[in-house]
ModelCIF file with pLDDT and N, C-alpha, C, O atoms, coordinates in Angstrom:
data_MODEL
#
_entry.id   MODEL 
#
_entity.id                         1 
_entity.type                       polymer 
_entity.pdbx_number_of_molecules   1 
#
_entity_poly.entity_id                      1 
_entity_poly.type                           'polypeptide(L)' 
_entity_poly.nstd_linkage                   no 
_entity_poly.nstd_monomer                   no 
_entity_poly.pdbx_seq_one_letter_code       ESGGGLVQPGGSLRLSCAASGSIFSMYFMGWYRQAPGKQRELVATI 
_entity_poly.pdbx_seq_one_letter_code_can   ESGGGLVQPGGSLRLSCAASGSIFSMYFMGWYRQAPGKQRELVATI 
_entity_poly.pdbx_strand_id                 A 
#
loop_
_entity_poly_seq.entity_id 
_entity_poly_seq.num 
_entity_poly_seq.mon_id 
_entity_poly_seq.hetero 
1 1  GLU n 
1 2  SER n 
1 3  GLY n 
1 4  GLY n 
1 5  GLY n 
1 6  LEU n 
1 7  VAL n 
1 8  GLN n 
1 9  PRO n 
1 10 GLY n 
1 11 GLY n 
1 12 SER n 
1 13 LEU n 
1 14 ARG n 
1 15 LEU n 
1 16 SER n 
1 17 CYS n 
1 18 ALA n 
1 19 ALA n 
1 20 SER n 
1 21 GLY n 
1 22 SER n 
1 23 ILE n 
1 24 PHE n 
1 25 SER n 
1 26 MET n 
1 27 TYR n 
1 28 PHE n 
1 29 MET n 
1 30 GLY n 
1 31 TRP n 
1 32 TYR n 
1 33 ARG n 
1 34 GLN n 
1 35 ALA n 
1 36 PRO n 
1 37 GLY n 
1 38 LYS n 
1 39 GLN n 
1 40 ARG n 
1 41 GLU n 
1 42 LEU n 
1 43 VAL n 
1 44 ALA n 
1 45 THR n 
1 46 ILE n 
#
_struct_asym.id          A 
_struct_asym.entity_id   1 
#
loop_
_ma_qa_metric.id 
_ma_qa_metric.mode 
_ma_qa_metric.name 
_ma_qa_metric.software_group_id 
_ma_qa_metric.type 
1 global pLDDT . pLDDT 
2 local  pLDDT . pLDDT 
#
_ma_qa_metric_global.metric_id      1 
_ma_qa_metric_global.metric_value   93.74 
_ma_qa_metric_global.model_id       1 
_ma_qa_metric_global.ordinal_id     1 
#
loop_
_ma_qa_metric_local.label_asym_id 
_ma_qa_metric_local.label_comp_id 
_ma_qa_metric_local.label_seq_id 
_ma_qa_metric_local.metric_id 
_ma_qa_metric_local.metric_value 
_ma_qa_metric_local.model_id 
_ma_qa_metric_local.ordinal_id 
A GLU 1  2 97.00 1 1  
A SER 2  2 98.00 1 2  
A GLY 3  2 98.00 1 3  
A GLY 4  2 98.00 1 4  
A GLY 5  2 98.00 1 5  
A LEU 6  2 98.00 1 6  
A VAL 7  2 98.00 1 7  
A GLN 8  2 98.00 1 8  
A PRO 9  2 98.00 1 9  
A GLY 10 2 98.00 1 10 
A GLY 11 2 98.00 1 11 
A SER 12 2 98.00 1 12 
A LEU 13 2 98.00 1 13 
A ARG 14 2 98.00 1 14 
A LEU 15 2 98.00 1 15 
A SER 16 2 98.00 1 16 
A CYS 17 2 96.00 1 17 
A ALA 18 2 95.00 1 18 
A ALA 19 2 91.00 1 19 
A SER 20 2 86.00 1 20 
A GLY 21 2 73.00 1 21 
A SER 22 2 66.00 1 22 
A ILE 23 2 71.00 1 23 
A PHE 24 2 76.00 1 24 
A SER 25 2 81.00 1 25 
A MET 26 2 86.00 1 26 
A TYR 27 2 89.00 1 27 
A PHE 28 2 95.00 1 28 
A MET 29 2 95.00 1 29 
A GLY 30 2 96.00 1 30 
A TRP 31 2 98.00 1 31 
A TYR 32 2 98.00 1 32 
A ARG 33 2 98.00 1 33 
A GLN 34 2 98.00 1 34 
A ALA 35 2 96.00 1 35 
A PRO 36 2 92.00 1 36 
A GLY 37 2 94.00 1 37 
A LYS 38 2 96.00 1 38 
A GLN 39 2 97.00 1 39 
A ARG 40 2 97.00 1 40 
A GLU 41 2 97.00 1 41 
A LEU 42 2 97.00 1 42 
A VAL 43 2 98.00 1 43 
A ALA 44 2 98.00 1 44 
A THR 45 2 98.00 1 45 
A ILE 46 2 97.00 1 46 
#
loop_
_atom_site.group_PDB 
_atom_site.id 
_atom_site.type_symbol 
_atom_site.label_atom_id 
_atom_site.label_alt_id 
_atom_site.label_comp_id 
_atom_site.label_asym_id 
_atom_site.label_entity_id 
_atom_site.label_seq_id 
_atom_site.pdbx_PDB_ins_code 
_atom_site.Cartn_x 
_atom_site.Cartn_y 
_atom_site.Cartn_z 
_atom_site.occupancy 
_atom_site.B_iso_or_equiv 
_atom_site.pdbx_formal_charge 
_atom_site.auth_seq_id 
_atom_site.auth_comp_id 
_atom_site.auth_asym_id 
_atom_site.auth_atom_id 
_atom_site.pdbx_PDB_model_num 
ATOM 1   N N  . GLU A 1 1  ? 0.807   -1.351  -0.359  1.00 97.00 ? 1  GLU A N  1 
ATOM 2   C CA . GLU A 1 1  ? -0.508  0.104   0.267   1.00 97.00 ? 1  GLU A CA 1 
ATOM 3   C C  . GLU A 1 1  ? 0.544   1.663   0.347   1.00 97.00 ? 1  GLU A C  1 
ATOM 4   O O  . GLU A 1 1  ? 1.052   2.035   1.405   1.00 97.00 ? 1  GLU A O  1 
ATOM 5   N N  . SER A 1 2  ? 0.686   2.305   -0.793  1.00 98.00 ? 2  SER A N  1 
ATOM 6   C CA . SER A 1 2  ? 0.774   3.676   -0.528  1.00 98.00 ? 2  SER A CA 1 
ATOM 7   C C  . SER A 1 2  ? 0.064   4.585   -0.782  1.00 98.00 ? 2  SER A C  1 
ATOM 8   O O  . SER A 1 2  ? -1.083  4.406   -1.191  1.00 98.00 ? 2  SER A O  1 
ATOM 9   N N  . GLY A 1 3  ? 0.677   5.968   -0.562  1.00 98.00 ? 3  GLY A N  1 
ATOM 10  C CA . GLY A 1 3  ? 0.122   7.149   -0.721  1.00 98.00 ? 3  GLY A CA 1 
ATOM 11  C C  . GLY A 1 3  ? -0.771  8.120   0.012   1.00 98.00 ? 3  GLY A C  1 
ATOM 12  O O  . GLY A 1 3  ? -1.518  9.023   -0.363  1.00 98.00 ? 3  GLY A O  1 
ATOM 13  N N  . GLY A 1 4  ? -0.250  7.344   1.845   1.00 98.00 ? 4  GLY A N  1 
ATOM 14  C CA . GLY A 1 4  ? -1.263  7.623   3.172   1.00 98.00 ? 4  GLY A CA 1 
ATOM 15  C C  . GLY A 1 4  ? -0.311  9.506   2.556   1.00 98.00 ? 4  GLY A C  1 
ATOM 16  O O  . GLY A 1 4  ? 0.277   9.918   1.556   1.00 98.00 ? 4  GLY A O  1 
ATOM 17  N N  . GLY A 1 5  ? -0.740  10.078  4.012   1.00 98.00 ? 5  GLY A N  1 
ATOM 18  C CA . GLY A 1 5  ? -0.116  11.373  4.403   1.00 98.00 ? 5  GLY A CA 1 
ATOM 19  C C  . GLY A 1 5  ? -0.748  12.171  5.224   1.00 98.00 ? 5  GLY A C  1 
ATOM 20  O O  . GLY A 1 5  ? -1.908  11.784  5.363   1.00 98.00 ? 5  GLY A O  1 
ATOM 21  N N  . LEU A 1 6  ? -0.434  13.408  6.026   1.00 98.00 ? 6  LEU A N  1 
ATOM 22  C CA . LEU A 1 6  ? -0.601  13.959  6.450   1.00 98.00 ? 6  LEU A CA 1 
ATOM 23  C C  . LEU A 1 6  ? -2.301  14.943  5.967   1.00 98.00 ? 6  LEU A C  1 
ATOM 24  O O  . LEU A 1 6  ? -1.853  15.888  5.318   1.00 98.00 ? 6  LEU A O  1 
ATOM 25  N N  . VAL A 1 7  ? -3.204  15.039  5.985   1.00 98.00 ? 7  VAL A N  1 
ATOM 26  C CA . VAL A 1 7  ? -3.812  15.883  5.166   1.00 98.00 ? 7  VAL A CA 1 
ATOM 27  C C  . VAL A 1 7  ? -5.233  17.123  5.936   1.00 98.00 ? 7  VAL A C  1 
ATOM 28  O O  . VAL A 1 7  ? -6.154  16.880  6.715   1.00 98.00 ? 7  VAL A O  1 
ATOM 29  N N  . GLN A 1 8  ? -4.965  17.922  5.515   1.00 98.00 ? 8  GLN A N  1 
ATOM 30  C CA . GLN A 1 8  ? -5.951  18.853  6.584   1.00 98.00 ? 8  GLN A CA 1 
ATOM 31  C C  . GLN A 1 8  ? -7.769  17.985  6.009   1.00 98.00 ? 8  GLN A C  1 
ATOM 32  O O  . GLN A 1 8  ? -8.118  17.287  5.057   1.00 98.00 ? 8  GLN A O  1 
ATOM 33  N N  . PRO A 1 9  ? -8.470  18.576  7.258   1.00 98.00 ? 9  PRO A N  1 
ATOM 34  C CA . PRO A 1 9  ? -9.988  17.747  6.545   1.00 98.00 ? 9  PRO A CA 1 
ATOM 35  C C  . PRO A 1 9  ? -10.412 19.125  6.256   1.00 98.00 ? 9  PRO A C  1 
ATOM 36  O O  . PRO A 1 9  ? -10.440 20.190  6.872   1.00 98.00 ? 9  PRO A O  1 
ATOM 37  N N  . GLY A 1 10 ? -10.825 18.575  4.742   1.00 98.00 ? 10 GLY A N  1 
ATOM 38  C CA . GLY A 1 10 ? -11.396 18.749  4.035   1.00 98.00 ? 10 GLY A CA 1 
ATOM 39  C C  . GLY A 1 10 ? -11.133 17.882  2.415   1.00 98.00 ? 10 GLY A C  1 
ATOM 40  O O  . GLY A 1 10 ? -11.786 17.502  1.443   1.00 98.00 ? 10 GLY A O  1 
ATOM 41  N N  . GLY A 1 11 ? -9.546  17.900  2.995   1.00 98.00 ? 11 GLY A N  1 
ATOM 42  C CA . GLY A 1 11 ? -8.766  17.774  1.800   1.00 98.00 ? 11 GLY A CA 1 
ATOM 43  C C  . GLY A 1 11 ? -8.978  16.011  1.049   1.00 98.00 ? 11 GLY A C  1 
ATOM 44  O O  . GLY A 1 11 ? -9.757  15.106  1.350   1.00 98.00 ? 11 GLY A O  1 
ATOM 45  N N  . SER A 1 12 ? -7.753  16.118  -0.143  1.00 98.00 ? 12 SER A N  1 
ATOM 46  C CA . SER A 1 12 ? -8.220  14.319  -0.155  1.00 98.00 ? 12 SER A CA 1 
ATOM 47  C C  . SER A 1 12 ? -7.385  13.191  -0.553  1.00 98.00 ? 12 SER A C  1 
ATOM 48  O O  . SER A 1 12 ? -7.131  13.571  -1.696  1.00 98.00 ? 12 SER A O  1 
ATOM 49  N N  . LEU A 1 13 ? -6.864  12.238  -0.451  1.00 98.00 ? 13 LEU A N  1 
ATOM 50  C CA . LEU A 1 13 ? -5.787  11.816  -0.922  1.00 98.00 ? 13 LEU A CA 1 
ATOM 51  C C  . LEU A 1 13 ? -5.949  10.489  -1.685  1.00 98.00 ? 13 LEU A C  1 
ATOM 52  O O  . LEU A 1 13 ? -6.885  9.784   -1.309  1.00 98.00 ? 13 LEU A O  1 
ATOM 53  N N  . ARG A 1 14 ? -5.288  10.095  -2.562  1.00 98.00 ? 14 ARG A N  1 
ATOM 54  C CA . ARG A 1 14 ? -5.494  8.955   -3.234  1.00 98.00 ? 14 ARG A CA 1 
ATOM 55  C C  . ARG A 1 14 ? -4.511  7.529   -2.851  1.00 98.00 ? 14 ARG A C  1 
ATOM 56  O O  . ARG A 1 14 ? -3.336  7.360   -3.177  1.00 98.00 ? 14 ARG A O  1 
ATOM 57  N N  . LEU A 1 15 ? -5.310  6.676   -2.133  1.00 98.00 ? 15 LEU A N  1 
ATOM 58  C CA . LEU A 1 15 ? -4.275  5.224   -1.864  1.00 98.00 ? 15 LEU A CA 1 
ATOM 59  C C  . LEU A 1 15 ? -4.430  4.548   -3.070  1.00 98.00 ? 15 LEU A C  1 
ATOM 60  O O  . LEU A 1 15 ? -5.394  4.437   -3.827  1.00 98.00 ? 15 LEU A O  1 
ATOM 61  N N  . SER A 1 16 ? -2.825  3.942   -3.113  1.00 98.00 ? 16 SER A N  1 
ATOM 62  C CA . SER A 1 16 ? -2.707  3.112   -4.420  1.00 98.00 ? 16 SER A CA 1 
ATOM 63  C C  . SER A 1 16 ? -2.365  1.846   -3.449  1.00 98.00 ? 16 SER A C  1 
ATOM 64  O O  . SER A 1 16 ? -2.015  2.052   -2.287  1.00 98.00 ? 16 SER A O  1 
ATOM 65  N N  . CYS A 1 17 ? -2.544  -0.203  -4.272  1.00 96.00 ? 17 CYS A N  1 
ATOM 66  C CA . CYS A 1 17 ? -2.273  -1.143  -3.280  1.00 96.00 ? 17 CYS A CA 1 
ATOM 67  C C  . CYS A 1 17 ? -1.927  -2.156  -4.679  1.00 96.00 ? 17 CYS A C  1 
ATOM 68  O O  . CYS A 1 17 ? -2.714  -2.637  -5.495  1.00 96.00 ? 17 CYS A O  1 
ATOM 69  N N  . ALA A 1 18 ? -0.349  -2.267  -4.585  1.00 95.00 ? 18 ALA A N  1 
ATOM 70  C CA . ALA A 1 18 ? -0.189  -3.187  -5.915  1.00 95.00 ? 18 ALA A CA 1 
ATOM 71  C C  . ALA A 1 18 ? 0.005   -4.576  -5.352  1.00 95.00 ? 18 ALA A C  1 
ATOM 72  O O  . ALA A 1 18 ? 0.745   -4.770  -4.388  1.00 95.00 ? 18 ALA A O  1 
ATOM 73  N N  . ALA A 1 19 ? -0.342  -5.076  -5.667  1.00 91.00 ? 19 ALA A N  1 
ATOM 74  C CA . ALA A 1 19 ? -0.648  -7.043  -5.821  1.00 91.00 ? 19 ALA A CA 1 
ATOM 75  C C  . ALA A 1 19 ? 0.326   -7.630  -6.438  1.00 91.00 ? 19 ALA A C  1 
ATOM 76  O O  . ALA A 1 19 ? -0.031  -7.643  -7.617  1.00 91.00 ? 19 ALA A O  1 
ATOM 77  N N  . SER A 1 20 ? 1.639   -8.269  -6.332  1.00 86.00 ? 20 SER A N  1 
ATOM 78  C CA . SER A 1 20 ? 1.955   -9.669  -7.166  1.00 86.00 ? 20 SER A CA 1 
ATOM 79  C C  . SER A 1 20 ? 1.076   -10.302 -7.440  1.00 86.00 ? 20 SER A C  1 
ATOM 80  O O  . SER A 1 20 ? -0.028  -10.358 -6.898  1.00 86.00 ? 20 SER A O  1 
ATOM 81  N N  . GLY A 1 21 ? 1.713   -11.182 -8.849  1.00 73.00 ? 21 GLY A N  1 
ATOM 82  C CA . GLY A 1 21 ? 0.551   -12.062 -8.848  1.00 73.00 ? 21 GLY A CA 1 
ATOM 83  C C  . GLY A 1 21 ? -0.268  -11.921 -10.202 1.00 73.00 ? 21 GLY A C  1 
ATOM 84  O O  . GLY A 1 21 ? -0.922  -10.945 -10.568 1.00 73.00 ? 21 GLY A O  1 
ATOM 85  N N  . SER A 1 22 ? -0.029  -13.412 -11.010 1.00 66.00 ? 22 SER A N  1 
ATOM 86  C CA . SER A 1 22 ? -0.644  -12.847 -12.180 1.00 66.00 ? 22 SER A CA 1 
ATOM 87  C C  . SER A 1 22 ? -2.737  -13.279 -12.071 1.00 66.00 ? 22 SER A C  1 
ATOM 88  O O  . SER A 1 22 ? -3.610  -13.097 -12.919 1.00 66.00 ? 22 SER A O  1 
ATOM 89  N N  . ILE A 1 23 ? -2.824  -13.861 -10.670 1.00 71.00 ? 23 ILE A N  1 
ATOM 90  C CA . ILE A 1 23 ? -4.240  -14.230 -10.241 1.00 71.00 ? 23 ILE A CA 1 
ATOM 91  C C  . ILE A 1 23 ? -4.822  -12.770 -9.477  1.00 71.00 ? 23 ILE A C  1 
ATOM 92  O O  . ILE A 1 23 ? -5.728  -12.883 -8.651  1.00 71.00 ? 23 ILE A O  1 
ATOM 93  N N  . PHE A 1 24 ? -4.334  -11.600 -9.751  1.00 76.00 ? 24 PHE A N  1 
ATOM 94  C CA . PHE A 1 24 ? -5.376  -10.209 -8.648  1.00 76.00 ? 24 PHE A CA 1 
ATOM 95  C C  . PHE A 1 24 ? -6.876  -10.407 -9.306  1.00 76.00 ? 24 PHE A C  1 
ATOM 96  O O  . PHE A 1 24 ? -7.772  -10.807 -8.563  1.00 76.00 ? 24 PHE A O  1 
ATOM 97  N N  . SER A 1 25 ? -7.210  -10.078 -10.955 1.00 81.00 ? 25 SER A N  1 
ATOM 98  C CA . SER A 1 25 ? -8.288  -9.940  -11.479 1.00 81.00 ? 25 SER A CA 1 
ATOM 99  C C  . SER A 1 25 ? -8.759  -10.894 -11.160 1.00 81.00 ? 25 SER A C  1 
ATOM 100 O O  . SER A 1 25 ? -9.622  -11.125 -12.007 1.00 81.00 ? 25 SER A O  1 
ATOM 101 N N  . MET A 1 26 ? -8.758  -11.937 -10.173 1.00 86.00 ? 26 MET A N  1 
ATOM 102 C CA . MET A 1 26 ? -10.132 -13.268 -10.052 1.00 86.00 ? 26 MET A CA 1 
ATOM 103 C C  . MET A 1 26 ? -10.679 -13.129 -8.643  1.00 86.00 ? 26 MET A C  1 
ATOM 104 O O  . MET A 1 26 ? -11.720 -13.624 -8.211  1.00 86.00 ? 26 MET A O  1 
ATOM 105 N N  . TYR A 1 27 ? -9.617  -12.214 -7.866  1.00 89.00 ? 27 TYR A N  1 
ATOM 106 C CA . TYR A 1 27 ? -10.263 -11.230 -6.455  1.00 89.00 ? 27 TYR A CA 1 
ATOM 107 C C  . TYR A 1 27 ? -11.296 -10.466 -6.433  1.00 89.00 ? 27 TYR A C  1 
ATOM 108 O O  . TYR A 1 27 ? -11.245 -9.404  -7.053  1.00 89.00 ? 27 TYR A O  1 
ATOM 109 N N  . PHE A 1 28 ? -12.720 -10.910 -5.563  1.00 95.00 ? 28 PHE A N  1 
ATOM 110 C CA . PHE A 1 28 ? -13.263 -8.851  -5.081  1.00 95.00 ? 28 PHE A CA 1 
ATOM 111 C C  . PHE A 1 28 ? -12.118 -8.646  -4.041  1.00 95.00 ? 28 PHE A C  1 
ATOM 112 O O  . PHE A 1 28 ? -11.745 -9.437  -3.175  1.00 95.00 ? 28 PHE A O  1 
ATOM 113 N N  . MET A 1 29 ? -11.706 -7.554  -4.291  1.00 95.00 ? 29 MET A N  1 
ATOM 114 C CA . MET A 1 29 ? -10.673 -6.516  -2.592  1.00 95.00 ? 29 MET A CA 1 
ATOM 115 C C  . MET A 1 29 ? -11.216 -5.766  -2.256  1.00 95.00 ? 29 MET A C  1 
ATOM 116 O O  . MET A 1 29 ? -12.248 -5.579  -2.899  1.00 95.00 ? 29 MET A O  1 
ATOM 117 N N  . GLY A 1 30 ? -11.011 -5.011  -1.309  1.00 96.00 ? 30 GLY A N  1 
ATOM 118 C CA . GLY A 1 30 ? -11.386 -3.953  0.302   1.00 96.00 ? 30 GLY A CA 1 
ATOM 119 C C  . GLY A 1 30 ? -10.314 -3.453  0.025   1.00 96.00 ? 30 GLY A C  1 
ATOM 120 O O  . GLY A 1 30 ? -9.262  -3.789  -0.519  1.00 96.00 ? 30 GLY A O  1 
ATOM 121 N N  . TRP A 1 31 ? -10.951 -2.189  0.704   1.00 98.00 ? 31 TRP A N  1 
ATOM 122 C CA . TRP A 1 31 ? -9.173  -1.321  1.756   1.00 98.00 ? 31 TRP A CA 1 
ATOM 123 C C  . TRP A 1 31 ? -10.301 -1.899  2.872   1.00 98.00 ? 31 TRP A C  1 
ATOM 124 O O  . TRP A 1 31 ? -11.369 -2.512  2.878   1.00 98.00 ? 31 TRP A O  1 
ATOM 125 N N  . TYR A 1 32 ? -9.172  -1.180  3.977   1.00 98.00 ? 32 TYR A N  1 
ATOM 126 C CA . TYR A 1 32 ? -10.014 -1.704  5.026   1.00 98.00 ? 32 TYR A CA 1 
ATOM 127 C C  . TYR A 1 32 ? -8.966  -0.319  6.420   1.00 98.00 ? 32 TYR A C  1 
ATOM 128 O O  . TYR A 1 32 ? -8.448  0.686   5.934   1.00 98.00 ? 32 TYR A O  1 
ATOM 129 N N  . ARG A 1 33 ? -8.950  -0.364  6.688   1.00 98.00 ? 33 ARG A N  1 
ATOM 130 C CA . ARG A 1 33 ? -8.225  0.327   7.878   1.00 98.00 ? 33 ARG A CA 1 
ATOM 131 C C  . ARG A 1 33 ? -8.648  0.332   9.393   1.00 98.00 ? 33 ARG A C  1 
ATOM 132 O O  . ARG A 1 33 ? -9.848  0.318   9.666   1.00 98.00 ? 33 ARG A O  1 
ATOM 133 N N  . GLN A 1 34 ? -7.659  0.351   10.423  1.00 98.00 ? 34 GLN A N  1 
ATOM 134 C CA . GLN A 1 34 ? -7.270  0.248   11.907  1.00 98.00 ? 34 GLN A CA 1 
ATOM 135 C C  . GLN A 1 34 ? -7.152  1.809   12.267  1.00 98.00 ? 34 GLN A C  1 
ATOM 136 O O  . GLN A 1 34 ? -6.250  2.475   11.759  1.00 98.00 ? 34 GLN A O  1 
ATOM 137 N N  . ALA A 1 35 ? -8.116  2.401   13.185  1.00 96.00 ? 35 ALA A N  1 
ATOM 138 C CA . ALA A 1 35 ? -7.908  3.523   14.206  1.00 96.00 ? 35 ALA A CA 1 
ATOM 139 C C  . ALA A 1 35 ? -6.883  2.867   15.411  1.00 96.00 ? 35 ALA A C  1 
ATOM 140 O O  . ALA A 1 35 ? -6.929  1.651   15.597  1.00 96.00 ? 35 ALA A O  1 
ATOM 141 N N  . PRO A 1 36 ? -6.079  3.605   16.115  1.00 92.00 ? 36 PRO A N  1 
ATOM 142 C CA . PRO A 1 36 ? -5.353  3.802   17.126  1.00 92.00 ? 36 PRO A CA 1 
ATOM 143 C C  . PRO A 1 36 ? -6.358  3.062   18.565  1.00 92.00 ? 36 PRO A C  1 
ATOM 144 O O  . PRO A 1 36 ? -6.757  3.691   19.545  1.00 92.00 ? 36 PRO A O  1 
ATOM 145 N N  . GLY A 1 37 ? -6.468  2.290   18.415  1.00 94.00 ? 37 GLY A N  1 
ATOM 146 C CA . GLY A 1 37 ? -6.904  1.271   19.777  1.00 94.00 ? 37 GLY A CA 1 
ATOM 147 C C  . GLY A 1 37 ? -8.236  0.501   18.715  1.00 94.00 ? 37 GLY A C  1 
ATOM 148 O O  . GLY A 1 37 ? -8.965  0.318   19.690  1.00 94.00 ? 37 GLY A O  1 
ATOM 149 N N  . LYS A 1 38 ? -8.581  0.269   18.233  1.00 96.00 ? 38 LYS A N  1 
ATOM 150 C CA . LYS A 1 38 ? -9.588  0.441   17.518  1.00 96.00 ? 38 LYS A CA 1 
ATOM 151 C C  . LYS A 1 38 ? -9.782  -1.046  16.442  1.00 96.00 ? 38 LYS A C  1 
ATOM 152 O O  . LYS A 1 38 ? -8.691  -1.359  15.966  1.00 96.00 ? 38 LYS A O  1 
ATOM 153 N N  . GLN A 1 39 ? -10.735 -1.815  16.075  1.00 97.00 ? 39 GLN A N  1 
ATOM 154 C CA . GLN A 1 39 ? -10.255 -3.432  15.553  1.00 97.00 ? 39 GLN A CA 1 
ATOM 155 C C  . GLN A 1 39 ? -10.836 -2.453  13.463  1.00 97.00 ? 39 GLN A C  1 
ATOM 156 O O  . GLN A 1 39 ? -11.712 -1.703  13.031  1.00 97.00 ? 39 GLN A O  1 
ATOM 157 N N  . ARG A 1 40 ? -9.534  -3.245  12.905  1.00 97.00 ? 40 ARG A N  1 
ATOM 158 C CA . ARG A 1 40 ? -9.677  -2.897  11.465  1.00 97.00 ? 40 ARG A CA 1 
ATOM 159 C C  . ARG A 1 40 ? -10.954 -2.962  11.207  1.00 97.00 ? 40 ARG A C  1 
ATOM 160 O O  . ARG A 1 40 ? -11.656 -3.619  11.976  1.00 97.00 ? 40 ARG A O  1 
ATOM 161 N N  . GLU A 1 41 ? -11.488 -2.368  10.186  1.00 97.00 ? 41 GLU A N  1 
ATOM 162 C CA . GLU A 1 41 ? -12.877 -1.857  9.707   1.00 97.00 ? 41 GLU A CA 1 
ATOM 163 C C  . GLU A 1 41 ? -12.007 -2.346  7.912   1.00 97.00 ? 41 GLU A C  1 
ATOM 164 O O  . GLU A 1 41 ? -10.888 -2.482  7.420   1.00 97.00 ? 41 GLU A O  1 
ATOM 165 N N  . LEU A 1 42 ? -14.225 -2.494  7.351   1.00 97.00 ? 42 LEU A N  1 
ATOM 166 C CA . LEU A 1 42 ? -13.759 -2.876  6.149   1.00 97.00 ? 42 LEU A CA 1 
ATOM 167 C C  . LEU A 1 42 ? -14.156 -1.066  5.822   1.00 97.00 ? 42 LEU A C  1 
ATOM 168 O O  . LEU A 1 42 ? -14.838 -0.303  6.508   1.00 97.00 ? 42 LEU A O  1 
ATOM 169 N N  . VAL A 1 43 ? -13.418 -0.807  4.502   1.00 98.00 ? 43 VAL A N  1 
ATOM 170 C CA . VAL A 1 43 ? -13.981 0.896   4.161   1.00 98.00 ? 43 VAL A CA 1 
ATOM 171 C C  . VAL A 1 43 ? -15.029 0.251   3.127   1.00 98.00 ? 43 VAL A C  1 
ATOM 172 O O  . VAL A 1 43 ? -16.231 0.167   3.376   1.00 98.00 ? 43 VAL A O  1 
ATOM 173 N N  . ALA A 1 44 ? -14.469 -0.164  2.018   1.00 98.00 ? 44 ALA A N  1 
ATOM 174 C CA . ALA A 1 44 ? -15.065 -0.400  1.042   1.00 98.00 ? 44 ALA A CA 1 
ATOM 175 C C  . ALA A 1 44 ? -14.867 -1.957  -0.273  1.00 98.00 ? 44 ALA A C  1 
ATOM 176 O O  . ALA A 1 44 ? -14.128 -2.801  0.235   1.00 98.00 ? 44 ALA A O  1 
ATOM 177 N N  . THR A 1 45 ? -15.232 -2.270  -1.321  1.00 98.00 ? 45 THR A N  1 
ATOM 178 C CA . THR A 1 45 ? -14.859 -3.323  -1.615  1.00 98.00 ? 45 THR A CA 1 
ATOM 179 C C  . THR A 1 45 ? -15.679 -3.095  -2.937  1.00 98.00 ? 45 THR A C  1 
ATOM 180 O O  . THR A 1 45 ? -16.824 -2.665  -3.074  1.00 98.00 ? 45 THR A O  1 
ATOM 181 N N  . ILE A 1 46 ? -14.180 -3.768  -4.457  1.00 97.00 ? 46 ILE A N  1 
ATOM 182 C CA . ILE A 1 46 ? -15.117 -4.206  -5.398  1.00 97.00 ? 46 ILE A CA 1 
ATOM 183 C C  . ILE A 1 46 ? -15.021 -5.434  -6.209  1.00 97.00 ? 46 ILE A C  1 
ATOM 184 O O  . ILE A 1 46 ? -15.912 -5.717  -7.009  1.00 97.00 ? 46 ILE A O  1 
#
């Protein structure tokens, strides 16, 4: 994963996730996040 950083409220970022392997296109993919002291949660799927 890449593309994170510090941004002000109201700002934008674009994250990227590069996967090795030729079978990537077979999978449903998801973005997850984990805040301090919290469980990992699912944010979006495709």
